[in-house]
Amino acid sequence: MGVPAARPAAETGDYYYFALWREDGTEQAIHDLLRGQAREKAGRAEDPSAVAVDTQSIRAANHVPAATTGKDAGKRVPAASVAWPWTPWV
């Protein structure tokens, strides 16, 4: 439903508590607790043990600076690397 436009978010009680909890670390503690419970419910360890970094070479456009590109092994084409650090290790 949201906060009515007549009252700015900073004047509402829920914003007050959100700001207070963010400042004192309560928000992060709640987030960590809920994440741990969700992981356990899914049959995984409460805390993630590692993260795998997945990379992919993509063809670089002609206007991309040479300092940021290289030759992909075996392909002999200008390429740039894209990393996906959010791939979870399960």
Protein backbone atom coordinates (compact mmCIF):
# COMPACT_ATOMS: atom_id res chain seq x y z
CA MET A 1 0.00 0.00 0.00
CA GLY A 2 2.79 2.45 0.82
CA VAL A 3 3.07 5.77 2.58
CA PRO A 4 0.54 8.42 1.49
CA ALA A 5 2.09 11.26 -0.51
CA ALA A 6 0.88 13.80 2.08
CA ARG A 7 3.34 12.41 4.68
CA PRO A 8 7.03 12.22 3.80
CA ALA A 9 8.63 8.86 4.60
CA ALA A 10 10.96 10.47 7.16
CA GLU A 11 7.96 11.41 9.32
CA THR A 12 6.47 7.93 9.57
CA GLY A 13 7.06 5.62 12.52
CA ASP A 14 8.18 2.73 10.34
CA TYR A 15 10.90 4.86 8.74
CA TYR A 16 12.07 5.94 12.20
CA TYR A 17 12.55 2.34 13.30
CA PHE A 18 14.13 1.33 10.00
CA ALA A 19 16.69 4.14 10.29
CA LEU A 20 17.34 3.31 13.95
CA TRP A 21 17.79 -0.41 13.26
CA ARG A 22 20.04 0.28 10.27
CA GLU A 23 22.23 2.53 12.42
CA ASP A 24 22.59 0.13 15.36
CA GLY A 25 23.05 -3.04 13.25
CA THR A 26 19.67 -4.63 14.02
CA GLU A 27 18.72 -4.64 10.31
CA GLN A 28 21.84 -6.65 9.39
CA ALA A 29 21.32 -9.04 12.31
CA ILE A 30 17.73 -9.74 11.18
CA HIS A 31 18.91 -10.22 7.59
CA ASP A 32 21.65 -12.65 8.68
CA LEU A 33 19.22 -14.62 10.86
CA LEU A 34 16.62 -14.95 8.10
CA ARG A 35 19.26 -15.91 5.50
CA GLY A 36 20.60 -18.61 7.82
CA GLN A 37 17.12 -20.00 8.45
CA ALA A 38 16.34 -20.04 4.72
CA ARG A 39 19.60 -21.87 3.95
CA GLU A 40 18.96 -24.48 6.66
CA LYS A 41 15.40 -25.01 5.40
CA ALA A 42 16.85 -25.63 1.92
CA GLY A 43 19.17 -28.27 3.40
CA ARG A 44 22.39 -26.24 3.19
CA ALA A 45 24.79 -25.00 5.84
CA GLU A 46 23.70 -21.85 7.67
CA ASP A 47 26.73 -19.91 6.42
CA PRO A 48 27.97 -20.14 2.82
CA SER A 49 31.39 -21.78 2.74
CA ALA A 50 32.82 -20.27 -0.47
CA VAL A 51 32.09 -18.34 -3.63
CA ALA A 52 33.24 -19.40 -7.10
CA VAL A 53 34.11 -16.68 -9.57
CA ASP A 54 32.80 -17.54 -13.03
CA THR A 55 34.44 -15.79 -15.99
CA GLN A 56 33.47 -15.52 -19.62
CA SER A 57 35.36 -14.05 -22.56
CA ILE A 58 33.35 -11.81 -24.84
CA ARG A 59 34.31 -10.29 -28.18
CA ALA A 60 35.53 -6.73 -27.62
CA ALA A 61 34.22 -3.92 -29.82
CA ASN A 62 36.70 -1.89 -31.89
CA HIS A 63 36.32 1.18 -29.65
CA VAL A 64 37.33 -0.68 -26.46
CA PRO A 65 40.84 0.42 -25.32
CA ALA A 66 43.57 -2.13 -26.08
CA ALA A 67 44.81 -1.88 -22.48
CA THR A 68 41.61 -3.55 -21.26
CA THR A 69 41.53 -6.37 -23.81
CA GLY A 70 43.72 -9.30 -24.77
CA LYS A 71 43.75 -12.38 -26.99
CA ASP A 72 41.58 -15.25 -25.82
CA ALA A 73 43.65 -18.43 -25.89
CA GLY A 74 43.13 -20.39 -29.08
CA LYS A 75 40.66 -17.96 -30.64
CA ARG A 76 43.01 -15.18 -31.76
CA VAL A 77 40.30 -12.53 -31.44
CA PRO A 78 40.30 -9.41 -29.27
CA ALA A 79 38.39 -10.26 -26.12
CA ALA A 80 37.45 -8.81 -22.76
CA SER A 81 36.71 -10.82 -19.64
CA VAL A 82 33.47 -10.63 -17.70
CA ALA A 83 33.43 -11.95 -14.12
CA TRP A 84 30.32 -13.09 -12.24
CA PRO A 85 31.33 -13.10 -8.54
CA TRP A 86 27.83 -13.83 -7.27
CA THR A 87 27.79 -17.50 -8.34
CA PRO A 88 27.28 -19.33 -5.01
CA TRP A 89 29.28 -22.42 -4.15
CA VAL A 90 26.76 -25.01 -2.92
